Amino acid sequence: MRTIGVLLLPDSRVFDLAVVCEVWGADRTDDGIGPFDLRLCAPGRRTVTLSPAGQTRATHGLAGLRGCDLVIALGRDDPRAEVPASALAALRRAHRDGATVAALCSGAFTLAAAGLLDGRAATTHWALLDQLAEAAPRAVLRRDVLFTEDGRVLTSAGVVGGLDLCLHLVRRDLGAEVAATMARRMVMPPVREGGQAQYVWAPVPARPERGDIASTMDWALAGLGEPISVPDLAAHAGMSERAFHRAFTAATGTTPGRWLLLQRIRHAQRLLETTDLSVERVAHRSGLGSPANLRRRMLAEIGTSPGAYRRTFNSPLRTVS
């Protein structure tokens, strides 16, 4: 994969362009990598305004996408912004002629507009997944991954997920050693563990301002390390289990069992981020009991293990207690 074409559209994300230029535009011939032919292609070969700041001048018109091994659609400030018909035709033609076509972050919407996601696995930034489902109803959305590859069409999760995708392409076509060399130069792991679910901090279910449900929630949060069960919550609120289930769901929008599990996982995440406690102690303090149960619950909810989560998010200013 030696010739890379970048589709430049108005308000393309400057970070996405920088990622592509860092991977394929930097001169690494001293390391035995490349050279690559990087083409910046825009309709009319015009200067393109980038988001959130800056401009860049295209090196080629849309004809520059012809003969490329790889064509990349960058994310845009407005992912639903209109894509010129000429650009859509150029994308379809490049794919039809055998090029691999990839989208970084919200660039998936550009591929959707070209019909290239129909029947294929796809992803994008977690905050845009529902919109992508509307824009590409025939795509098979993967909500928990950093990137997808389906045939010669690839998509990535938000921002840094685009870098994961680019390194994957380097690894696939040039080998693991070349990808590792690039990753070292960029001071990042060659392969990140887990999916993008680990980066999504889900909103806390609504808490009533007062009443038995609110006081019971406060009581449970103060004792997450204890073996509190849903019957215990109902007893604290002075209700039958059935009545408590109805009242809790009406007040918060989720079931008491689901709420309690998510609070335990969130507490475990905070402990993994801010302390050096062993995984066994984190499991105990969060009320999840055993390391095996903590691992199972975290894999199910956020797509990564306690160890991998800690390696990603643990602060150097941590404490042991």
C-alpha atoms as a PDB file:
ATOM      1  CA  MET A   1       0.000   0.000   0.000  1.00  0.00           C
ATOM      2  CA  ARG A   2       2.063   2.902  -1.311  1.00  0.00           C
ATOM      3  CA  THR A   3      -0.362   5.470  -2.753  1.00  0.00           C
ATOM      4  CA  ILE A   4      -2.793   7.041  -0.298  1.00  0.00           C
ATOM      5  CA  GLY A   5      -5.512   9.444  -1.341  1.00  0.00           C
ATOM      6  CA  VAL A   6      -7.251  11.694   1.199  1.00  0.00           C
ATOM      7  CA  LEU A   7     -10.676  13.073   0.351  1.00  0.00           C
ATOM      8  CA  LEU A   8     -10.720  16.697   1.539  1.00  0.00           C
ATOM      9  CA  LEU A   9     -14.143  18.245   2.049  1.00  0.00           C
ATOM     10  CA  PRO A  10     -15.058  21.569   3.709  1.00  0.00           C
ATOM     11  CA  ASP A  11     -14.660  21.493   7.508  1.00  0.00           C
ATOM     12  CA  SER A  12     -12.692  18.264   7.525  1.00  0.00           C
ATOM     13  CA  ARG A  13     -11.262  17.619  10.975  1.00  0.00           C
ATOM     14  CA  VAL A  14      -7.701  18.855  11.277  1.00  0.00           C
ATOM     15  CA  PHE A  15      -6.829  16.078  13.745  1.00  0.00           C
ATOM     16  CA  ASP A  16      -7.885  13.387  11.277  1.00  0.00           C
ATOM     17  CA  LEU A  17      -5.752  14.953   8.562  1.00  0.00           C
ATOM     18  CA  ALA A  18      -2.823  15.197  10.977  1.00  0.00           C
ATOM     19  CA  VAL A  19      -3.143  11.484  11.804  1.00  0.00           C
ATOM     20  CA  VAL A  20      -2.951  10.507   8.136  1.00  0.00           C
ATOM     21  CA  CYS A  21      -0.016  12.841   7.513  1.00  0.00           C
ATOM     22  CA  GLU A  22       1.825  11.505  10.564  1.00  0.00           C
ATOM     23  CA  VAL A  23       1.434   7.891   9.428  1.00  0.00           C
ATOM     24  CA  TRP A  24       1.961   8.234   5.670  1.00  0.00           C
ATOM     25  CA  GLY A  25       3.301  11.741   5.146  1.00  0.00           C
ATOM     26  CA  ALA A  26       6.344  11.771   7.435  1.00  0.00           C
ATOM     27  CA  ASP A  27       9.689  10.833   5.892  1.00  0.00           C
ATOM     28  CA  ARG A  28      10.738   7.546   7.506  1.00  0.00           C
ATOM     29  CA  THR A  29      12.972   6.266   4.728  1.00  0.00           C
ATOM     30  CA  ASP A  30      15.900   6.211   7.184  1.00  0.00           C
ATOM     31  CA  ASP A  31      13.956   3.480   9.011  1.00  0.00           C
ATOM     32  CA  GLY A  32      13.359   1.616   5.768  1.00  0.00           C
ATOM     33  CA  ILE A  33       9.686   2.665   5.677  1.00  0.00           C
ATOM     34  CA  GLY A  34       8.185   4.166   2.550  1.00  0.00           C
ATOM     35  CA  PRO A  35       8.315   6.437   0.709  1.00  0.00           C
ATOM     36  CA  PHE A  36       4.576   6.876   0.239  1.00  0.00           C
ATOM     37  CA  ASP A  37       2.687   8.969  -2.284  1.00  0.00           C
ATOM     38  CA  LEU A  38       0.199  10.962  -0.186  1.00  0.00           C
ATOM     39  CA  ARG A  39      -2.382  12.829  -2.254  1.00  0.00           C
ATOM     40  CA  LEU A  40      -4.695  15.458  -0.766  1.00  0.00           C
ATOM     41  CA  CYS A  41      -7.683  15.453  -3.094  1.00  0.00           C
ATOM     42  CA  ALA A  42     -10.484  18.020  -3.147  1.00  0.00           C
ATOM     43  CA  PRO A  43     -13.131  18.934  -5.707  1.00  0.00           C
ATOM     44  CA  GLY A  44     -11.573  21.481  -8.024  1.00  0.00           C
ATOM     45  CA  ARG A  45      -8.223  21.106  -6.222  1.00  0.00           C
ATOM     46  CA  ARG A  46      -9.320  23.955  -3.990  1.00  0.00           C
ATOM     47  CA  THR A  47      -8.047  25.181  -0.635  1.00  0.00           C
ATOM     48  CA  VAL A  48     -10.156  23.548   2.086  1.00  0.00           C
ATOM     49  CA  THR A  49     -11.103  25.053   5.429  1.00  0.00           C
ATOM     50  CA  LEU A  50     -10.395  22.669   8.303  1.00  0.00           C
ATOM     51  CA  SER A  51     -12.144  22.320  11.666  1.00  0.00           C
ATOM     52  CA  PRO A  52     -11.660  23.620  14.267  1.00  0.00           C
ATOM     53  CA  ALA A  53      -8.994  25.828  12.661  1.00  0.00           C
ATOM     54  CA  GLY A  54      -6.773  26.237   9.656  1.00  0.00           C
ATOM     55  CA  GLN A  55      -6.755  25.595   5.938  1.00  0.00           C
ATOM     56  CA  THR A  56      -4.914  23.288   3.590  1.00  0.00           C
ATOM     57  CA  ARG A  57      -4.451  23.348  -0.134  1.00  0.00           C
ATOM     58  CA  ALA A  58      -5.230  20.203  -2.060  1.00  0.00           C
ATOM     59  CA  THR A  59      -2.432  18.682  -4.090  1.00  0.00           C
ATOM     60  CA  HIS A  60      -4.872  16.980  -6.469  1.00  0.00           C
ATOM     61  CA  GLY A  61      -8.411  17.184  -7.701  1.00  0.00           C
ATOM     62  CA  LEU A  62     -10.746  14.222  -7.332  1.00  0.00           C
ATOM     63  CA  ALA A  63      -8.984  12.528 -10.240  1.00  0.00           C
ATOM     64  CA  GLY A  64      -6.085  12.032  -7.835  1.00  0.00           C
ATOM     65  CA  LEU A  65      -8.081   9.288  -6.094  1.00  0.00           C
ATOM     66  CA  ARG A  66      -7.722   7.120  -9.192  1.00  0.00           C
ATOM     67  CA  GLY A  67      -4.993   4.524  -8.904  1.00  0.00           C
ATOM     68  CA  CYS A  68      -4.710   4.882  -5.111  1.00  0.00           C
ATOM     69  CA  ASP A  69      -4.188   1.780  -2.998  1.00  0.00           C
ATOM     70  CA  LEU A  70      -5.988   3.426  -0.083  1.00  0.00           C
ATOM     71  CA  VAL A  71      -8.579   6.204  -0.034  1.00  0.00           C
ATOM     72  CA  ILE A  72      -9.420   7.884   3.282  1.00  0.00           C
ATOM     73  CA  ALA A  73     -12.515   9.928   4.138  1.00  0.00           C
ATOM     74  CA  LEU A  74     -11.811  12.324   7.015  1.00  0.00           C
ATOM     75  CA  GLY A  75     -14.283  13.226   9.726  1.00  0.00           C
ATOM     76  CA  ARG A  76     -16.104  16.535   9.354  1.00  0.00           C
ATOM     77  CA  ASP A  77     -17.366  19.108  11.832  1.00  0.00           C
ATOM     78  CA  ASP A  78     -20.943  18.383  10.703  1.00  0.00           C
ATOM     79  CA  PRO A  79     -21.049  14.669   9.872  1.00  0.00           C
ATOM     80  CA  ARG A  80     -24.387  15.070   8.081  1.00  0.00           C
ATOM     81  CA  ALA A  81     -23.167  17.905   5.854  1.00  0.00           C
ATOM     82  CA  GLU A  82     -23.810  17.432   2.150  1.00  0.00           C
ATOM     83  CA  VAL A  83     -21.147  15.584   0.182  1.00  0.00           C
ATOM     84  CA  PRO A  84     -20.737  16.743  -3.432  1.00  0.00           C
ATOM     85  CA  ALA A  85     -22.026  14.225  -5.946  1.00  0.00           C
ATOM     86  CA  SER A  86     -18.636  14.303  -7.684  1.00  0.00           C
ATOM     87  CA  ALA A  87     -16.903  13.215  -4.454  1.00  0.00           C
ATOM     88  CA  LEU A  88     -19.383  10.382  -3.904  1.00  0.00           C
ATOM     89  CA  ALA A  89     -18.838   9.184  -7.464  1.00  0.00           C
ATOM     90  CA  ALA A  90     -15.055   9.322  -6.969  1.00  0.00           C
ATOM     91  CA  LEU A  91     -15.315   7.221  -3.792  1.00  0.00           C
ATOM     92  CA  ARG A  92     -17.474   4.604  -5.499  1.00  0.00           C
ATOM     93  CA  ARG A  93     -15.146   4.484  -8.484  1.00  0.00           C
ATOM     94  CA  ALA A  94     -12.051   4.083  -6.302  1.00  0.00           C
ATOM     95  CA  HIS A  95     -13.630   1.193  -4.427  1.00  0.00           C
ATOM     96  CA  ARG A  96     -14.885  -0.404  -7.643  1.00  0.00           C
ATOM     97  CA  ASP A  97     -11.368  -0.182  -9.077  1.00  0.00           C
ATOM     98  CA  GLY A  98      -9.925  -2.116  -6.131  1.00  0.00           C
ATOM     99  CA  ALA A  99      -8.852   0.512  -3.622  1.00  0.00           C
ATOM    100  CA  THR A 100      -9.281  -0.010   0.096  1.00  0.00           C
ATOM    101  CA  VAL A 101     -11.575   2.735   1.413  1.00  0.00           C
ATOM    102  CA  ALA A 102     -11.384   3.857   5.044  1.00  0.00           C
ATOM    103  CA  ALA A 103     -13.163   6.464   7.159  1.00  0.00           C
ATOM    104  CA  LEU A 104     -11.804   8.158  10.249  1.00  0.00           C
ATOM    105  CA  CYS A 105     -14.351   8.970  12.955  1.00  0.00           C
ATOM    106  CA  SER A 106     -17.347  10.800  11.420  1.00  0.00           C
ATOM    107  CA  GLY A 107     -15.955  10.175   7.940  1.00  0.00           C
ATOM    108  CA  ALA A 108     -18.163   7.074   8.142  1.00  0.00           C
ATOM    109  CA  PHE A 109     -21.063   9.352   7.191  1.00  0.00           C
ATOM    110  CA  THR A 110     -19.303  10.167   3.922  1.00  0.00           C
ATOM    111  CA  LEU A 111     -18.964   6.463   3.140  1.00  0.00           C
ATOM    112  CA  ALA A 112     -22.614   5.999   4.104  1.00  0.00           C
ATOM    113  CA  ALA A 113     -23.640   8.704   1.645  1.00  0.00           C
ATOM    114  CA  ALA A 114     -21.709   6.841  -1.057  1.00  0.00           C
ATOM    115  CA  GLY A 115     -23.524   3.602  -0.192  1.00  0.00           C
ATOM    116  CA  LEU A 116     -20.275   1.878   0.758  1.00  0.00           C
ATOM    117  CA  LEU A 117     -21.493   0.824   4.221  1.00  0.00           C
ATOM    118  CA  ASP A 118     -24.549  -1.085   2.976  1.00  0.00           C
ATOM    119  CA  GLY A 119     -24.415  -4.603   4.375  1.00  0.00           C
ATOM    120  CA  ARG A 120     -21.022  -3.986   6.002  1.00  0.00           C
ATOM    121  CA  ALA A 121     -19.794  -3.698   9.579  1.00  0.00           C
ATOM    122  CA  ALA A 122     -19.157  -0.089  10.575  1.00  0.00           C
ATOM    123  CA  THR A 123     -18.532   2.142  13.558  1.00  0.00           C
ATOM    124  CA  THR A 124     -17.910   5.800  14.407  1.00  0.00           C
ATOM    125  CA  HIS A 125     -17.499   7.977  17.489  1.00  0.00           C
ATOM    126  CA  TRP A 126     -19.757   6.632  20.234  1.00  0.00           C
ATOM    127  CA  ALA A 127     -21.706   9.909  20.429  1.00  0.00           C
ATOM    128  CA  LEU A 128     -22.630   9.626  16.715  1.00  0.00           C
ATOM    129  CA  LEU A 129     -23.615   5.964  16.517  1.00  0.00           C
ATOM    130  CA  ASP A 130     -27.366   6.566  16.636  1.00  0.00           C
ATOM    131  CA  GLN A 131     -27.073   9.172  13.887  1.00  0.00           C
ATOM    132  CA  LEU A 132     -25.015   6.771  11.780  1.00  0.00           C
ATOM    133  CA  ALA A 133     -27.715   4.140  12.242  1.00  0.00           C
ATOM    134  CA  GLU A 134     -30.141   6.587  10.622  1.00  0.00           C
ATOM    135  CA  ALA A 135     -27.729   7.590   7.862  1.00  0.00           C
ATOM    136  CA  ALA A 136     -26.745   3.993   7.054  1.00  0.00           C
ATOM    137  CA  PRO A 137     -29.723   1.790   7.983  1.00  0.00           C
ATOM    138  CA  ARG A 138     -28.297  -1.174   6.048  1.00  0.00           C
ATOM    139  CA  ALA A 139     -24.942  -1.072   7.829  1.00  0.00           C
ATOM    140  CA  VAL A 140     -24.135  -3.514  10.635  1.00  0.00           C
ATOM    141  CA  LEU A 141     -23.130  -1.149  13.431  1.00  0.00           C
ATOM    142  CA  ARG A 142     -20.431  -2.250  15.867  1.00  0.00           C
ATOM    143  CA  ARG A 143     -20.786  -0.023  18.898  1.00  0.00           C
ATOM    144  CA  ASP A 144     -18.015  -1.435  21.067  1.00  0.00           C
ATOM    145  CA  VAL A 145     -14.937  -1.490  18.812  1.00  0.00           C
ATOM    146  CA  LEU A 146     -12.110   0.887  17.943  1.00  0.00           C
ATOM    147  CA  PHE A 147     -12.370   0.130  14.223  1.00  0.00           C
ATOM    148  CA  THR A 148     -14.030  -2.233  11.762  1.00  0.00           C
ATOM    149  CA  GLU A 149     -12.785  -3.964   8.645  1.00  0.00           C
ATOM    150  CA  ASP A 150     -15.267  -5.543   6.266  1.00  0.00           C
ATOM    151  CA  GLY A 151     -13.775  -6.466   2.932  1.00  0.00           C
ATOM    152  CA  ARG A 152     -12.052  -3.367   1.574  1.00  0.00           C
ATOM    153  CA  VAL A 153     -14.067  -0.934   3.710  1.00  0.00           C
ATOM    154  CA  LEU A 154     -12.870   0.204   7.144  1.00  0.00           C
ATOM    155  CA  THR A 155     -14.258   2.648   9.703  1.00  0.00           C
ATOM    156  CA  SER A 156     -12.949   3.893  13.037  1.00  0.00           C
ATOM    157  CA  ALA A 157     -14.243   5.163  16.355  1.00  0.00           C
ATOM    158  CA  GLY A 158     -13.622   8.728  17.454  1.00  0.00           C
ATOM    159  CA  VAL A 159     -10.423  10.699  16.912  1.00  0.00           C
ATOM    160  CA  VAL A 160      -7.653   8.495  18.308  1.00  0.00           C
ATOM    161  CA  GLY A 161      -9.521   5.436  17.004  1.00  0.00           C
ATOM    162  CA  GLY A 162      -8.507   6.709  13.582  1.00  0.00           C
ATOM    163  CA  LEU A 163      -4.881   6.263  14.570  1.00  0.00           C
ATOM    164  CA  ASP A 164      -5.649   2.692  15.644  1.00  0.00           C
ATOM    165  CA  LEU A 165      -7.155   2.066  12.221  1.00  0.00           C
ATOM    166  CA  CYS A 166      -4.181   3.571  10.377  1.00  0.00           C
ATOM    167  CA  LEU A 167      -1.684   1.495  12.345  1.00  0.00           C
ATOM    168  CA  HIS A 168      -3.808  -1.583  11.666  1.00  0.00           C
ATOM    169  CA  LEU A 169      -3.546  -0.900   7.938  1.00  0.00           C
ATOM    170  CA  VAL A 170       0.216  -0.464   8.227  1.00  0.00           C
ATOM    171  CA  ARG A 171       0.461  -3.706  10.193  1.00  0.00           C
ATOM    172  CA  ARG A 172      -1.739  -5.550   7.711  1.00  0.00           C
ATOM    173  CA  ASP A 173       0.112  -4.414   4.605  1.00  0.00           C
ATOM    174  CA  LEU A 174       3.670  -3.733   5.765  1.00  0.00           C
ATOM    175  CA  GLY A 175       4.028  -6.021   8.767  1.00  0.00           C
ATOM    176  CA  ALA A 176       4.015  -5.831  12.551  1.00  0.00           C
ATOM    177  CA  GLU A 177       7.613  -4.592  12.778  1.00  0.00           C
ATOM    178  CA  VAL A 178       6.901  -1.529  10.632  1.00  0.00           C
ATOM    179  CA  ALA A 179       3.731  -0.766  12.615  1.00  0.00           C
ATOM    180  CA  ALA A 180       5.637  -1.113  15.890  1.00  0.00           C
ATOM    181  CA  THR A 181       8.340   1.271  14.641  1.00  0.00           C
ATOM    182  CA  MET A 182       5.723   3.878  13.747  1.00  0.00           C
ATOM    183  CA  ALA A 183       3.952   3.407  17.089  1.00  0.00           C
ATOM    184  CA  ARG A 184       7.191   3.925  19.008  1.00  0.00           C
ATOM    185  CA  ARG A 185       7.841   7.138  17.109  1.00  0.00           C
ATOM    186  CA  MET A 186       4.338   8.329  18.049  1.00  0.00           C
ATOM    187  CA  VAL A 187       4.712   7.116  21.660  1.00  0.00           C
ATOM    188  CA  MET A 188       1.638   4.913  21.616  1.00  0.00           C
ATOM    189  CA  PRO A 189       0.974   1.164  21.835  1.00  0.00           C
ATOM    190  CA  PRO A 190       0.941  -0.653  18.479  1.00  0.00           C
ATOM    191  CA  VAL A 191      -2.402  -2.202  19.486  1.00  0.00           C
ATOM    192  CA  ARG A 192      -4.737  -0.722  22.087  1.00  0.00           C
ATOM    193  CA  GLU A 193      -6.732  -3.111  24.220  1.00  0.00           C
ATOM    194  CA  GLY A 194     -10.501  -3.032  24.599  1.00  0.00           C
ATOM    195  CA  GLY A 195     -13.139  -1.135  22.673  1.00  0.00           C
ATOM    196  CA  GLN A 196     -14.541   2.372  22.775  1.00  0.00           C
ATOM    197  CA  ALA A 197     -17.146   1.449  25.395  1.00  0.00           C
ATOM    198  CA  GLN A 198     -14.426   1.928  28.021  1.00  0.00           C
ATOM    199  CA  TYR A 199     -14.244   5.626  27.073  1.00  0.00           C
ATOM    200  CA  VAL A 200     -17.973   6.237  27.440  1.00  0.00           C
ATOM    201  CA  TRP A 201     -18.941   7.544  30.863  1.00  0.00           C
ATOM    202  CA  ALA A 202     -22.636   6.679  30.878  1.00  0.00           C
ATOM    203  CA  PRO A 203     -24.959   9.220  32.483  1.00  0.00           C
ATOM    204  CA  VAL A 204     -26.076   8.421  36.002  1.00  0.00           C
ATOM    205  CA  PRO A 205     -29.762   7.462  36.172  1.00  0.00           C
ATOM    206  CA  ALA A 206     -31.901  10.252  37.518  1.00  0.00           C
ATOM    207  CA  ARG A 207     -31.945  10.507  41.310  1.00  0.00           C
ATOM    208  CA  PRO A 208     -35.118  11.698  43.004  1.00  0.00           C
ATOM    209  CA  GLU A 209     -34.569  14.823  45.062  1.00  0.00           C
ATOM    210  CA  ARG A 210     -36.215  13.369  48.158  1.00  0.00           C
ATOM    211  CA  GLY A 211     -38.189  10.429  49.491  1.00  0.00           C
ATOM    212  CA  ASP A 212     -37.568   6.785  50.288  1.00  0.00           C
ATOM    213  CA  ILE A 213     -36.001   5.973  46.893  1.00  0.00           C
ATOM    214  CA  ALA A 214     -33.482   8.814  47.161  1.00  0.00           C
ATOM    215  CA  SER A 215     -32.448   7.942  50.714  1.00  0.00           C
ATOM    216  CA  THR A 216     -32.111   4.267  49.760  1.00  0.00           C
ATOM    217  CA  MET A 217     -29.863   5.154  46.822  1.00  0.00           C
ATOM    218  CA  ASP A 218     -27.653   7.246  49.119  1.00  0.00           C
ATOM    219  CA  TRP A 219     -27.510   4.389  51.618  1.00  0.00           C
ATOM    220  CA  ALA A 220     -26.484   1.910  48.929  1.00  0.00           C
ATOM    221  CA  LEU A 221     -23.794   4.223  47.496  1.00  0.00           C
ATOM    222  CA  ALA A 222     -22.268   4.604  50.944  1.00  0.00           C
ATOM    223  CA  GLY A 223     -22.005   0.834  51.311  1.00  0.00           C
ATOM    224  CA  LEU A 224     -21.148  -0.513  47.865  1.00  0.00           C
ATOM    225  CA  GLY A 225     -18.514  -2.780  49.389  1.00  0.00           C
ATOM    226  CA  GLU A 226     -21.184  -4.565  51.414  1.00  0.00           C
ATOM    227  CA  PRO A 227     -23.226  -7.499  50.019  1.00  0.00           C
ATOM    228  CA  ILE A 228     -26.283  -5.316  49.378  1.00  0.00           C
ATOM    229  CA  SER A 229     -28.998  -6.951  47.287  1.00  0.00           C
ATOM    230  CA  VAL A 230     -32.229  -5.702  45.740  1.00  0.00           C
ATOM    231  CA  PRO A 231     -34.258  -7.178  48.645  1.00  0.00           C
ATOM    232  CA  ASP A 232     -31.990  -5.185  50.981  1.00  0.00           C
ATOM    233  CA  LEU A 233     -32.790  -2.018  49.027  1.00  0.00           C
ATOM    234  CA  ALA A 234     -36.500  -2.712  49.243  1.00  0.00           C
ATOM    235  CA  ALA A 235     -36.263  -3.389  52.984  1.00  0.00           C
ATOM    236  CA  HIS A 236     -34.376  -0.120  53.537  1.00  0.00           C
ATOM    237  CA  ALA A 237     -37.127   1.754  51.684  1.00  0.00           C
ATOM    238  CA  GLY A 238     -39.784  -0.011  53.750  1.00  0.00           C
ATOM    239  CA  MET A 239     -41.492  -1.534  50.683  1.00  0.00           C
ATOM    240  CA  SER A 240     -42.222  -4.938  49.310  1.00  0.00           C
ATOM    241  CA  GLU A 241     -39.751  -5.985  46.638  1.00  0.00           C
ATOM    242  CA  ARG A 242     -42.377  -5.717  43.895  1.00  0.00           C
ATOM    243  CA  ALA A 243     -43.553  -2.262  44.989  1.00  0.00           C
ATOM    244  CA  PHE A 244     -39.955  -1.066  45.310  1.00  0.00           C
ATOM    245  CA  HIS A 245     -39.112  -2.317  41.809  1.00  0.00           C
ATOM    246  CA  ARG A 246     -42.026  -0.355  40.341  1.00  0.00           C
ATOM    247  CA  ALA A 247     -41.280   2.799  42.328  1.00  0.00           C
ATOM    248  CA  PHE A 248     -37.532   2.703  41.632  1.00  0.00           C
ATOM    249  CA  THR A 249     -37.989   2.153  37.889  1.00  0.00           C
ATOM    250  CA  ALA A 250     -40.531   4.965  37.679  1.00  0.00           C
ATOM    251  CA  ALA A 251     -38.220   7.337  39.541  1.00  0.00           C
ATOM    252  CA  THR A 252     -34.922   6.532  37.807  1.00  0.00           C
ATOM    253  CA  GLY A 253     -35.728   4.957  34.436  1.00  0.00           C
ATOM    254  CA  THR A 254     -33.824   1.769  35.254  1.00  0.00           C
ATOM    255  CA  THR A 255     -34.291  -1.279  37.465  1.00  0.00           C
ATOM    256  CA  PRO A 256     -32.778  -1.410  40.959  1.00  0.00           C
ATOM    257  CA  GLY A 257     -30.642  -4.426  40.045  1.00  0.00           C
ATOM    258  CA  ARG A 258     -29.253  -2.724  36.954  1.00  0.00           C
ATOM    259  CA  TRP A 259     -28.596   0.514  38.850  1.00  0.00           C
ATOM    260  CA  LEU A 260     -26.757  -1.304  41.623  1.00  0.00           C
ATOM    261  CA  LEU A 261     -24.569  -3.227  39.168  1.00  0.00           C
ATOM    262  CA  LEU A 262     -23.609  -0.067  37.245  1.00  0.00           C
ATOM    263  CA  GLN A 263     -22.745   1.768  40.467  1.00  0.00           C
ATOM    264  CA  ARG A 264     -20.482  -1.095  41.494  1.00  0.00           C
ATOM    265  CA  ILE A 265     -18.726  -1.059  38.120  1.00  0.00           C
ATOM    266  CA  ARG A 266     -18.294   2.713  38.210  1.00  0.00           C
ATOM    267  CA  HIS A 267     -16.843   2.497  41.706  1.00  0.00           C
ATOM    268  CA  ALA A 268     -14.444  -0.199  40.492  1.00  0.00           C
ATOM    269  CA  GLN A 269     -13.435   2.051  37.588  1.00  0.00           C
ATOM    270  CA  ARG A 270     -12.657   4.923  39.953  1.00  0.00           C
ATOM    271  CA  LEU A 271     -10.550   2.642  42.157  1.00  0.00           C
ATOM    272  CA  LEU A 272      -8.646   1.315  39.139  1.00  0.00           C
ATOM    273  CA  GLU A 273      -8.053   4.873  37.927  1.00  0.00           C
ATOM    274  CA  THR A 274      -6.933   6.427  41.207  1.00  0.00           C
ATOM    275  CA  THR A 275      -5.379   3.716  43.397  1.00  0.00           C
ATOM    276  CA  ASP A 276      -2.866   0.885  43.315  1.00  0.00           C
ATOM    277  CA  LEU A 277      -5.244  -1.489  45.059  1.00  0.00           C
ATOM    278  CA  SER A 278      -4.996  -5.052  43.805  1.00  0.00           C
ATOM    279  CA  VAL A 279      -7.747  -6.256  41.497  1.00  0.00           C
ATOM    280  CA  GLU A 280      -8.879  -8.556  44.301  1.00  0.00           C
ATOM    281  CA  ARG A 281      -9.321  -5.606  46.692  1.00  0.00           C
ATOM    282  CA  VAL A 282     -11.021  -3.522  43.993  1.00  0.00           C
ATOM    283  CA  ALA A 283     -13.500  -6.367  43.450  1.00  0.00           C
ATOM    284  CA  HIS A 284     -14.162  -6.561  47.187  1.00  0.00           C
ATOM    285  CA  ARG A 285     -14.495  -2.801  47.740  1.00  0.00           C
ATOM    286  CA  SER A 286     -16.884  -2.408  44.813  1.00  0.00           C
ATOM    287  CA  GLY A 287     -19.095  -5.211  46.056  1.00  0.00           C
ATOM    288  CA  LEU A 288     -18.431  -7.425  43.044  1.00  0.00           C
ATOM    289  CA  GLY A 289     -16.869 -10.066  45.250  1.00  0.00           C
ATOM    290  CA  SER A 290     -14.149 -11.768  43.256  1.00  0.00           C
ATOM    291  CA  PRO A 291     -11.645 -10.792  40.563  1.00  0.00           C
ATOM    292  CA  ALA A 292     -13.366 -13.258  38.214  1.00  0.00           C
ATOM    293  CA  ASN A 293     -16.731 -11.556  38.692  1.00  0.00           C
ATOM    294  CA  LEU A 294     -15.195  -8.081  38.320  1.00  0.00           C
ATOM    295  CA  ARG A 295     -13.539  -9.150  35.084  1.00  0.00           C
ATOM    296  CA  ARG A 296     -16.731 -10.717  33.749  1.00  0.00           C
ATOM    297  CA  ARG A 297     -18.839  -7.676  34.577  1.00  0.00           C
ATOM    298  CA  MET A 298     -16.350  -5.184  33.128  1.00  0.00           C
ATOM    299  CA  LEU A 299     -15.940  -7.178  29.924  1.00  0.00           C
ATOM    300  CA  ALA A 300     -19.714  -7.323  29.527  1.00  0.00           C
ATOM    301  CA  GLU A 301     -20.346  -3.628  30.243  1.00  0.00           C
ATOM    302  CA  ILE A 302     -17.307  -1.750  28.915  1.00  0.00           C
ATOM    303  CA  GLY A 303     -15.509  -4.311  26.780  1.00  0.00           C
ATOM    304  CA  THR A 304     -12.208  -4.504  28.638  1.00  0.00           C
ATOM    305  CA  SER A 305     -10.603  -6.197  31.614  1.00  0.00           C
ATOM    306  CA  PRO A 306      -9.654  -4.545  34.938  1.00  0.00           C
ATOM    307  CA  GLY A 307      -5.955  -4.809  34.098  1.00  0.00           C
ATOM    308  CA  ALA A 308      -6.317  -3.291  30.629  1.00  0.00           C
ATOM    309  CA  TYR A 309      -8.576  -0.533  31.989  1.00  0.00           C
ATOM    310  CA  ARG A 310      -6.007   0.363  34.650  1.00  0.00           C
ATOM    311  CA  ARG A 311      -3.182   0.480  32.112  1.00  0.00           C
ATOM    312  CA  THR A 312      -5.211   2.924  30.018  1.00  0.00           C
ATOM    313  CA  PHE A 313      -6.625   5.221  32.689  1.00  0.00           C
ATOM    314  CA  ASN A 314      -4.594   4.939  35.890  1.00  0.00           C
ATOM    315  CA  SER A 315      -3.242   8.312  36.978  1.00  0.00           C
ATOM    316  CA  PRO A 316       0.422   8.653  37.967  1.00  0.00           C
ATOM    317  CA  LEU A 317      -0.836  10.626  41.006  1.00  0.00           C
ATOM    318  CA  ARG A 318      -2.449   7.605  42.652  1.00  0.00           C
ATOM    319  CA  THR A 319      -2.780   6.463  46.215  1.00  0.00           C
ATOM    320  CA  VAL A 320      -3.026   3.216  48.121  1.00  0.00           C
ATOM    321  CA  SER A 321      -5.580   2.908  50.876  1.00  0.00           C
END
